[in-house]
Amino acid sequence: MKFVLIIAYLILTVSGVVFMKLGGNPGSLALKDGTITLGMSVVSGIGFVCYLCSFLLFTRIVTMFNLSYIFPILTGIVQILTLVASSAVLKESIPWQSAVGASIIIVGIIIMNLKQTQTS
């Protein structure tokens, strides 16, 4: 169940950011005559809802794992998935510095997941 939540979080986070970018509308928030209005395109709205749901999932995930473990791993994975999605969906170019940085993140995630040997 934990890993289903993590996968859902990753999908919602990355899709939320991509949809907000595709919507091309930062939205507007206004208070008029005691009424709060939020205006944005439908695509940006879908991204906003995805991102809000991912935040709610994240608050649950951090209670299930050690924060010092799960936060850097999820953050790194989100960065890499966003890089891939921006290239695949938004047709953004990936500079060599980004590719090197993503490689360093991957190595860091692997190192964080290596089992420590017990010494007696």
Protein backbone atom coordinates (compact mmCIF):
# COMPACT_ATOMS: atom_id res chain seq x y z
CA MET A 1 0.00 0.00 0.00
CA LYS A 2 2.87 2.35 0.80
CA PHE A 3 4.35 2.03 -2.66
CA VAL A 4 0.97 2.51 -4.37
CA LEU A 5 0.71 5.84 -2.56
CA ILE A 6 4.23 6.76 -3.64
CA ILE A 7 3.50 5.95 -7.29
CA ALA A 8 0.24 7.91 -7.15
CA TYR A 9 2.11 10.83 -5.57
CA LEU A 10 4.77 10.80 -8.29
CA ILE A 11 2.20 10.63 -11.09
CA LEU A 12 0.05 13.39 -9.61
CA THR A 13 3.00 15.68 -8.89
CA VAL A 14 4.55 15.43 -12.34
CA SER A 15 1.25 15.53 -14.20
CA GLY A 16 0.14 18.49 -12.10
CA VAL A 17 3.20 20.52 -13.04
CA VAL A 18 2.97 19.51 -16.71
CA PHE A 19 -0.75 20.36 -16.93
CA MET A 20 -0.18 23.73 -15.27
CA LYS A 21 2.56 24.47 -17.80
CA LEU A 22 0.37 23.27 -20.70
CA GLY A 23 -2.46 25.47 -19.47
CA GLY A 24 -0.16 28.45 -19.75
CA ASN A 25 -2.24 30.36 -17.24
CA PRO A 26 -0.94 31.19 -13.77
CA GLY A 27 -4.48 31.84 -12.62
CA SER A 28 -5.93 34.74 -10.73
CA LEU A 29 -7.19 35.05 -7.20
CA ALA A 30 -9.49 37.90 -6.28
CA LEU A 31 -11.54 39.03 -3.32
CA LYS A 32 -14.51 41.18 -4.29
CA ASP A 33 -17.57 41.96 -2.20
CA GLY A 34 -16.68 39.23 0.28
CA THR A 35 -16.38 36.58 -2.44
CA ILE A 36 -13.14 34.84 -3.31
CA THR A 37 -12.79 33.91 -6.95
CA LEU A 38 -10.15 31.73 -8.56
CA GLY A 39 -9.79 31.92 -12.32
CA MET A 40 -7.66 29.71 -14.55
CA SER A 41 -7.91 27.65 -17.71
CA VAL A 42 -9.38 24.14 -17.55
CA VAL A 43 -6.01 22.54 -18.27
CA SER A 44 -4.32 24.63 -15.57
CA GLY A 45 -7.19 23.71 -13.25
CA ILE A 46 -6.60 20.00 -13.86
CA GLY A 47 -2.93 20.56 -13.04
CA PHE A 48 -3.86 22.46 -9.89
CA VAL A 49 -6.14 19.64 -8.70
CA CYS A 50 -3.47 17.01 -9.48
CA TYR A 51 -0.85 18.99 -7.59
CA LEU A 52 -3.18 19.57 -4.62
CA CYS A 53 -3.96 15.83 -4.45
CA SER A 54 -0.23 15.05 -4.63
CA PHE A 55 0.37 17.36 -1.68
CA LEU A 56 -2.31 15.59 0.35
CA LEU A 57 -0.75 12.22 -0.53
CA PHE A 58 2.68 13.53 0.41
CA THR A 59 1.47 14.52 3.89
CA ARG A 60 0.37 10.91 4.35
CA ILE A 61 3.57 9.44 2.90
CA VAL A 62 5.87 11.40 5.22
CA THR A 63 4.11 9.90 8.22
CA MET A 64 4.80 6.38 6.90
CA PHE A 65 8.58 6.68 6.38
CA ASN A 66 11.57 8.38 7.97
CA LEU A 67 11.52 11.94 6.66
CA SER A 68 15.30 12.06 6.17
CA TYR A 69 14.97 9.02 3.91
CA ILE A 70 11.77 9.59 1.92
CA PHE A 71 11.98 13.32 1.25
CA PRO A 72 15.29 13.39 -0.67
CA ILE A 73 14.41 10.24 -2.60
CA LEU A 74 10.98 11.46 -3.68
CA THR A 75 12.31 14.92 -4.47
CA GLY A 76 15.04 13.44 -6.67
CA ILE A 77 12.63 11.14 -8.48
CA VAL A 78 10.19 14.01 -9.06
CA GLN A 79 13.01 16.12 -10.51
CA ILE A 80 14.04 13.38 -12.93
CA LEU A 81 10.46 12.53 -13.96
CA THR A 82 9.71 16.21 -14.51
CA LEU A 83 12.82 16.52 -16.68
CA VAL A 84 11.70 13.53 -18.77
CA ALA A 85 8.08 14.76 -18.99
CA SER A 86 9.14 18.27 -20.00
CA SER A 87 11.16 16.78 -22.83
CA ALA A 88 8.55 14.23 -23.94
CA VAL A 89 5.36 16.24 -23.51
CA LEU A 90 6.44 19.88 -23.70
CA LYS A 91 9.23 19.25 -26.25
CA GLU A 92 11.72 21.18 -24.11
CA SER A 93 15.39 20.52 -24.77
CA ILE A 94 17.51 18.95 -22.05
CA PRO A 95 20.90 20.68 -21.76
CA TRP A 96 23.89 18.49 -20.99
CA GLN A 97 24.13 20.06 -17.51
CA SER A 98 20.63 18.79 -16.73
CA ALA A 99 21.52 15.31 -17.94
CA VAL A 100 24.64 15.29 -15.74
CA GLY A 101 22.63 16.59 -12.78
CA ALA A 102 19.97 13.91 -13.28
CA SER A 103 22.71 11.28 -13.39
CA ILE A 104 24.12 12.56 -10.10
CA ILE A 105 20.63 12.41 -8.57
CA ILE A 106 20.22 8.81 -9.74
CA VAL A 107 23.58 7.86 -8.21
CA GLY A 108 22.57 9.57 -4.97
CA ILE A 109 19.27 7.67 -4.85
CA ILE A 110 21.14 4.40 -5.40
CA ILE A 111 23.63 5.23 -2.65
CA MET A 112 20.82 6.13 -0.23
CA ASN A 113 19.21 2.75 -0.89
CA LEU A 114 22.32 0.63 -0.36
CA LYS A 115 21.94 -1.57 2.66
CA GLN A 116 24.40 -0.80 5.42
CA THR A 117 26.37 -3.81 6.58
CA GLN A 118 26.16 -4.61 10.25
CA THR A 119 29.52 -4.84 12.01
CA SER A 120 29.79 -6.62 15.32
